[in-house]
Structures are given as structure tokens and as C-alpha cells.
N, C-alpha and C. Protein backbone atom coordinates (compact mmCIF):
# COMPACT_ATOMS: atom_id res chain seq x y z
N MET A 1 43.10 84.42 97.67
CA MET A 1 42.90 83.05 98.11
C MET A 1 43.49 82.92 99.50
N LYS A 2 42.74 82.24 100.36
CA LYS A 2 43.19 81.95 101.70
C LYS A 2 43.06 80.45 101.94
N LEU A 3 44.20 79.78 102.09
CA LEU A 3 44.17 78.34 102.32
C LEU A 3 43.79 78.06 103.78
N ALA A 4 42.94 77.06 103.98
CA ALA A 4 42.47 76.73 105.32
C ALA A 4 43.27 75.64 105.98
N GLU A 5 43.60 74.59 105.23
CA GLU A 5 44.35 73.46 105.78
C GLU A 5 44.69 72.50 104.67
N ILE A 6 45.52 71.53 104.95
CA ILE A 6 45.77 70.45 104.02
C ILE A 6 44.70 69.38 104.29
N HIS A 7 43.95 69.03 103.27
CA HIS A 7 42.90 68.03 103.42
C HIS A 7 43.47 66.61 103.33
N HIS A 8 44.29 66.36 102.31
CA HIS A 8 44.91 65.04 102.17
C HIS A 8 46.20 65.12 101.39
N VAL A 9 46.98 64.06 101.53
CA VAL A 9 48.17 63.83 100.76
C VAL A 9 48.00 62.51 100.05
N SER A 10 48.36 62.43 98.78
CA SER A 10 48.25 61.19 98.03
C SER A 10 49.66 60.64 97.73
N LEU A 11 49.83 59.35 97.90
CA LEU A 11 51.07 58.67 97.59
C LEU A 11 50.79 57.58 96.59
N VAL A 12 51.64 57.47 95.58
CA VAL A 12 51.54 56.39 94.57
C VAL A 12 52.32 55.19 95.11
N VAL A 13 51.69 54.01 95.00
CA VAL A 13 52.33 52.78 95.52
C VAL A 13 52.27 51.68 94.45
N HIS A 14 53.19 50.72 94.52
CA HIS A 14 53.23 49.58 93.62
C HIS A 14 52.25 48.48 94.00
N ASP A 15 52.30 48.07 95.25
CA ASP A 15 51.54 46.91 95.74
C ASP A 15 50.62 47.37 96.86
N LEU A 16 49.35 47.62 96.51
CA LEU A 16 48.41 48.18 97.48
C LEU A 16 48.28 47.33 98.73
N GLU A 17 48.15 46.04 98.58
CA GLU A 17 47.94 45.19 99.76
C GLU A 17 49.15 45.22 100.68
N LYS A 18 50.35 45.18 100.15
CA LYS A 18 51.55 45.23 100.97
C LYS A 18 51.63 46.58 101.68
N THR A 19 51.30 47.65 100.98
CA THR A 19 51.36 48.98 101.56
C THR A 19 50.26 49.19 102.57
N LYS A 20 49.06 48.65 102.31
CA LYS A 20 47.98 48.72 103.29
C LYS A 20 48.38 47.97 104.58
N ALA A 21 49.07 46.88 104.45
CA ALA A 21 49.54 46.13 105.65
C ALA A 21 50.44 47.02 106.49
N PHE A 22 51.24 47.86 105.85
CA PHE A 22 52.11 48.79 106.58
C PHE A 22 51.29 49.87 107.27
N TYR A 23 50.43 50.56 106.54
CA TYR A 23 49.68 51.67 107.14
C TYR A 23 48.57 51.21 108.10
N SER A 24 47.86 50.14 107.74
CA SER A 24 46.81 49.62 108.63
C SER A 24 47.40 48.82 109.77
N GLY A 25 48.38 47.95 109.43
CA GLY A 25 48.96 47.05 110.43
C GLY A 25 50.01 47.69 111.28
N LYS A 26 51.12 48.05 110.68
CA LYS A 26 52.24 48.56 111.46
C LYS A 26 51.95 49.95 112.06
N LEU A 27 51.43 50.88 111.24
CA LEU A 27 51.16 52.22 111.76
C LEU A 27 49.78 52.34 112.42
N GLN A 28 48.92 51.37 112.16
CA GLN A 28 47.60 51.27 112.77
C GLN A 28 46.70 52.51 112.50
N LEU A 29 46.77 52.99 111.26
CA LEU A 29 45.89 54.10 110.86
C LEU A 29 44.50 53.57 110.55
N PRO A 30 43.47 54.30 110.93
CA PRO A 30 42.11 53.85 110.60
C PRO A 30 41.80 54.08 109.11
N GLU A 31 41.34 53.02 108.46
CA GLU A 31 41.02 53.11 107.04
C GLU A 31 39.61 53.72 106.87
N LEU A 32 39.48 54.58 105.89
CA LEU A 32 38.21 55.23 105.59
C LEU A 32 37.54 54.56 104.40
N LYS A 33 36.24 54.71 104.31
CA LYS A 33 35.51 54.24 103.12
C LYS A 33 35.93 55.13 101.94
N ARG A 34 36.21 54.50 100.82
CA ARG A 34 36.70 55.19 99.63
C ARG A 34 35.66 55.12 98.55
N PRO A 35 35.46 56.17 97.79
CA PRO A 35 34.52 56.14 96.64
C PRO A 35 34.93 55.02 95.68
N PRO A 36 34.00 54.54 94.88
CA PRO A 36 34.28 53.43 93.97
C PRO A 36 34.99 53.90 92.68
N PHE A 37 36.21 54.35 92.84
CA PHE A 37 37.00 54.77 91.67
C PHE A 37 37.30 53.58 90.80
N ASN A 38 37.73 53.81 89.56
CA ASN A 38 38.06 52.72 88.66
C ASN A 38 39.54 52.34 88.73
N PHE A 39 40.19 52.64 89.85
CA PHE A 39 41.57 52.25 90.08
C PHE A 39 41.72 51.91 91.56
N PRO A 40 42.65 51.01 91.90
CA PRO A 40 42.81 50.59 93.30
C PRO A 40 43.43 51.68 94.15
N GLY A 41 43.05 51.70 95.40
CA GLY A 41 43.60 52.65 96.36
C GLY A 41 43.02 52.46 97.73
N ALA A 42 43.43 53.29 98.66
CA ALA A 42 42.94 53.22 100.06
C ALA A 42 43.04 54.60 100.63
N TRP A 43 42.12 54.95 101.55
CA TRP A 43 42.15 56.22 102.24
C TRP A 43 42.27 55.95 103.75
N TYR A 44 43.02 56.80 104.42
CA TYR A 44 43.23 56.69 105.87
C TYR A 44 42.96 58.03 106.54
N ALA A 45 42.47 57.97 107.78
CA ALA A 45 42.26 59.17 108.58
C ALA A 45 43.50 59.45 109.41
N ILE A 46 43.91 60.73 109.43
CA ILE A 46 44.98 61.20 110.29
C ILE A 46 44.47 62.49 110.90
N GLY A 47 43.90 62.40 112.07
CA GLY A 47 43.23 63.54 112.66
C GLY A 47 42.11 63.98 111.75
N GLU A 48 42.09 65.27 111.40
CA GLU A 48 41.08 65.80 110.48
C GLU A 48 41.52 65.69 109.02
N GLN A 49 42.76 65.26 108.78
CA GLN A 49 43.29 65.14 107.45
C GLN A 49 43.25 63.69 106.99
N GLN A 50 43.64 63.47 105.74
CA GLN A 50 43.60 62.13 105.19
C GLN A 50 44.88 61.82 104.42
N LEU A 51 45.18 60.54 104.34
CA LEU A 51 46.24 60.01 103.50
C LEU A 51 45.59 59.12 102.47
N HIS A 52 45.85 59.38 101.18
CA HIS A 52 45.28 58.59 100.08
C HIS A 52 46.41 57.79 99.42
N LEU A 53 46.21 56.52 99.25
CA LEU A 53 47.14 55.67 98.51
C LEU A 53 46.53 55.37 97.15
N ILE A 54 47.33 55.46 96.11
CA ILE A 54 46.89 55.18 94.75
C ILE A 54 47.82 54.14 94.16
N GLU A 55 47.28 52.98 93.78
CA GLU A 55 48.11 51.95 93.19
C GLU A 55 48.29 52.23 91.71
N ALA A 56 49.53 52.14 91.25
CA ALA A 56 49.82 52.35 89.83
C ALA A 56 50.85 51.32 89.39
N ASP A 57 50.74 50.88 88.13
CA ASP A 57 51.70 49.91 87.62
C ASP A 57 53.10 50.47 87.57
N THR A 58 53.21 51.73 87.23
CA THR A 58 54.50 52.41 87.14
C THR A 58 54.49 53.57 88.11
N VAL A 59 55.35 53.52 89.10
CA VAL A 59 55.45 54.59 90.05
C VAL A 59 56.31 55.68 89.42
N THR A 60 55.85 56.92 89.52
CA THR A 60 56.52 58.03 88.86
C THR A 60 57.73 58.54 89.63
N GLN A 61 57.91 58.12 90.83
CA GLN A 61 59.02 58.63 91.62
C GLN A 61 60.32 57.91 91.26
N GLN A 62 61.42 58.51 91.63
CA GLN A 62 62.74 57.96 91.27
C GLN A 62 63.23 56.91 92.27
N ARG A 63 62.74 56.91 93.51
CA ARG A 63 63.21 55.97 94.49
C ARG A 63 62.62 54.58 94.25
N LYS A 64 63.26 53.64 94.87
CA LYS A 64 62.84 52.25 94.82
C LYS A 64 62.47 51.79 96.21
N PRO A 65 61.62 50.77 96.31
CA PRO A 65 61.30 50.24 97.63
C PRO A 65 62.58 49.89 98.39
N ASN A 66 62.55 50.15 99.69
CA ASN A 66 63.66 49.85 100.59
C ASN A 66 64.88 50.71 100.36
N ASP A 67 64.72 51.86 99.64
CA ASP A 67 65.83 52.82 99.57
C ASP A 67 66.15 53.23 100.99
N ARG A 68 67.37 53.72 101.17
CA ARG A 68 67.74 54.20 102.50
C ARG A 68 66.84 55.38 102.88
N ILE A 69 66.68 55.57 104.17
CA ILE A 69 65.84 56.66 104.64
C ILE A 69 66.59 57.96 104.44
N ASN A 70 65.96 58.89 103.73
CA ASN A 70 66.61 60.16 103.39
C ASN A 70 65.68 61.30 103.75
N SER A 71 66.00 62.02 104.80
CA SER A 71 65.14 63.11 105.27
C SER A 71 65.16 64.32 104.37
N ARG A 72 66.04 64.35 103.39
CA ARG A 72 66.15 65.50 102.49
C ARG A 72 65.40 65.33 101.17
N GLN A 73 64.68 64.23 101.01
CA GLN A 73 63.85 64.10 99.83
C GLN A 73 62.42 64.44 100.19
N GLU A 74 61.56 64.51 99.18
CA GLU A 74 60.15 64.83 99.47
C GLU A 74 59.63 63.80 100.46
N HIS A 75 58.77 64.30 101.35
CA HIS A 75 58.22 63.42 102.40
C HIS A 75 56.92 64.03 102.91
N VAL A 76 56.19 63.22 103.65
CA VAL A 76 54.98 63.66 104.32
C VAL A 76 55.31 63.73 105.81
N ALA A 77 54.94 64.83 106.46
CA ALA A 77 55.23 65.00 107.89
C ALA A 77 53.95 64.95 108.70
N PHE A 78 53.96 64.11 109.72
CA PHE A 78 52.83 63.99 110.65
C PHE A 78 53.24 64.48 112.01
N ARG A 79 52.49 65.40 112.59
CA ARG A 79 52.78 65.83 113.96
C ARG A 79 52.25 64.77 114.91
N VAL A 80 53.07 64.36 115.86
CA VAL A 80 52.67 63.37 116.85
C VAL A 80 52.63 64.00 118.22
N GLU A 81 51.87 63.40 119.11
CA GLU A 81 51.75 63.95 120.47
C GLU A 81 53.02 63.69 121.30
N SER A 82 53.63 62.54 121.13
CA SER A 82 54.79 62.19 121.95
C SER A 82 55.90 61.60 121.10
N TYR A 83 57.06 62.24 121.15
CA TYR A 83 58.23 61.76 120.43
C TYR A 83 58.63 60.38 120.96
N GLU A 84 58.74 60.27 122.28
CA GLU A 84 59.19 59.03 122.91
C GLU A 84 58.22 57.89 122.64
N ASP A 85 56.91 58.13 122.76
CA ASP A 85 55.93 57.09 122.48
C ASP A 85 56.02 56.63 121.02
N THR A 86 56.30 57.55 120.13
CA THR A 86 56.41 57.20 118.70
C THR A 86 57.65 56.34 118.46
N LEU A 87 58.76 56.67 119.11
CA LEU A 87 59.95 55.82 119.01
C LEU A 87 59.67 54.40 119.46
N VAL A 88 59.04 54.28 120.62
CA VAL A 88 58.74 52.96 121.17
C VAL A 88 57.79 52.20 120.24
N PHE A 89 56.76 52.90 119.75
CA PHE A 89 55.79 52.26 118.87
C PHE A 89 56.45 51.72 117.61
N LEU A 90 57.28 52.55 116.94
CA LEU A 90 57.96 52.10 115.70
C LEU A 90 58.90 50.93 115.99
N GLN A 91 59.58 50.96 117.13
CA GLN A 91 60.45 49.83 117.52
C GLN A 91 59.64 48.55 117.70
N GLN A 92 58.49 48.67 118.39
CA GLN A 92 57.64 47.50 118.60
C GLN A 92 57.10 46.93 117.29
N GLN A 93 56.89 47.80 116.30
CA GLN A 93 56.39 47.36 114.99
C GLN A 93 57.49 46.96 114.03
N ASP A 94 58.75 46.97 114.49
CA ASP A 94 59.91 46.63 113.66
C ASP A 94 59.99 47.50 112.41
N VAL A 95 59.70 48.81 112.55
CA VAL A 95 59.81 49.75 111.46
C VAL A 95 61.17 50.44 111.57
N PRO A 96 62.06 50.24 110.59
CA PRO A 96 63.34 50.95 110.61
C PRO A 96 63.13 52.46 110.53
N PHE A 97 63.94 53.22 111.25
CA PHE A 97 63.81 54.67 111.25
C PHE A 97 65.13 55.32 111.58
N ILE A 98 65.18 56.62 111.29
CA ILE A 98 66.29 57.45 111.77
C ILE A 98 65.64 58.57 112.57
N GLU A 99 66.37 59.09 113.54
CA GLU A 99 65.81 60.15 114.34
C GLU A 99 66.74 61.36 114.34
N LYS A 100 66.14 62.51 114.44
CA LYS A 100 66.84 63.77 114.54
C LYS A 100 66.27 64.49 115.75
N LYS A 101 66.80 64.14 116.89
CA LYS A 101 66.27 64.61 118.17
C LYS A 101 66.51 66.13 118.35
N ASN A 102 67.59 66.64 117.80
CA ASN A 102 67.93 68.05 117.96
C ASN A 102 68.12 68.73 116.59
N SER A 103 67.11 68.57 115.74
CA SER A 103 67.15 69.11 114.39
C SER A 103 67.28 70.65 114.40
N LYS A 104 68.02 71.17 113.46
CA LYS A 104 68.12 72.61 113.29
C LYS A 104 66.78 73.25 112.96
N SER A 105 65.82 72.44 112.53
CA SER A 105 64.48 72.95 112.19
C SER A 105 63.74 73.41 113.44
N GLY A 106 64.19 72.96 114.60
CA GLY A 106 63.47 73.27 115.83
C GLY A 106 62.48 72.16 116.19
N PHE A 107 62.33 71.17 115.35
CA PHE A 107 61.44 70.05 115.59
C PHE A 107 62.25 68.85 116.00
N ARG A 108 61.66 67.97 116.77
CA ARG A 108 62.26 66.64 117.00
C ARG A 108 61.60 65.74 115.96
N GLN A 109 62.44 65.03 115.19
CA GLN A 109 61.96 64.31 114.00
C GLN A 109 62.36 62.85 114.01
N ILE A 110 61.46 62.01 113.48
CA ILE A 110 61.71 60.61 113.22
C ILE A 110 61.29 60.35 111.79
N PHE A 111 62.15 59.70 111.02
CA PHE A 111 61.85 59.41 109.60
C PHE A 111 61.87 57.92 109.37
N CYS A 112 60.94 57.44 108.52
CA CYS A 112 60.94 56.03 108.06
C CYS A 112 60.44 56.02 106.63
N ASN A 113 60.55 54.85 105.98
CA ASN A 113 60.02 54.67 104.64
C ASN A 113 58.89 53.65 104.66
N ASP A 114 57.90 53.85 103.78
CA ASP A 114 56.88 52.83 103.62
C ASP A 114 57.44 51.79 102.64
N PRO A 115 56.69 50.71 102.32
CA PRO A 115 57.23 49.67 101.44
C PRO A 115 57.61 50.15 100.04
N ASP A 116 57.07 51.28 99.57
CA ASP A 116 57.41 51.80 98.26
C ASP A 116 58.53 52.85 98.30
N GLY A 117 59.10 53.09 99.46
CA GLY A 117 60.18 54.07 99.58
C GLY A 117 59.68 55.48 99.81
N ASN A 118 58.35 55.69 100.03
CA ASN A 118 57.87 57.00 100.38
C ASN A 118 58.34 57.32 101.80
N THR A 119 58.92 58.47 101.98
CA THR A 119 59.46 58.85 103.29
C THR A 119 58.39 59.55 104.12
N LEU A 120 58.29 59.11 105.38
CA LEU A 120 57.36 59.68 106.35
C LEU A 120 58.14 60.31 107.48
N GLU A 121 57.70 61.46 107.93
CA GLU A 121 58.28 62.14 109.09
C GLU A 121 57.25 62.17 110.20
N PHE A 122 57.67 61.86 111.39
CA PHE A 122 56.84 62.03 112.59
C PHE A 122 57.55 63.07 113.44
N MET A 123 56.86 64.20 113.73
CA MET A 123 57.56 65.31 114.39
C MET A 123 56.78 65.87 115.56
N THR A 124 57.53 66.46 116.49
CA THR A 124 56.95 67.21 117.58
C THR A 124 57.63 68.57 117.64
N LEU A 125 56.94 69.55 118.18
CA LEU A 125 57.51 70.89 118.30
C LEU A 125 58.48 70.94 119.48
């Protein structure tokens, strides 16, 4: 088996409309047309990859909305073109974040949480 790329990442959310406001509004991701599944959700384009949101009554994760930002828990990492532009953008959108400008990973990293406590990383090489 030879893996070619990651096609999408799916995140389970409590309140789809609130979470869509974050991804569509604050992060300004383009929403994609989604097949007519029998459960609520939303799909977003991120370059050639996708982010899928799935609304569920009971979220299976242990965190709660508005948990502190923790870069050591599971998270989704997005490579961004400009670290500085991303910092400014998140500040303009009033998105709380932590940054690791000189991470031992060799990446410059910015972490934030979505409304359900899912951690997102924005990184540059």
C-alpha cells in the first residue's frame, strides 16, 4: 500500500450552526456542496484537502467546549503560507490562540480551539 495524501479530516461537533459560523465566518473557509446524508454536517475546502464536520448529539471526545488550548492533545494541523499573516488574521477575528514561534518540532506553530474544543494548528516550516 502506498498512501498518496490525506483527503479529509472529520470532526464531531455539538452545534453545527455555531461551528459553521466559526469555520465559515471567522476562519473564512469555503464551504463545499455536501451529499444528502441523513445526518447534519458541513464540508470545507482546504487546498486540495477537505475538512468535514459531523453534528452528533453526544460528542465522543473527552474535552468540552472552551477547554484551554492544549497543543499536546489530538489536533488537526494546517500548513499556512505566512505565520505573521495568520497571527494578524486570528487577532482580527478575535480567535484566542497560543503560539510556539520556536517549537522544538522545527515548525512555527499557532494553536486555537473551535467552539467544540477541537484543537487546530496553523504551521509553517
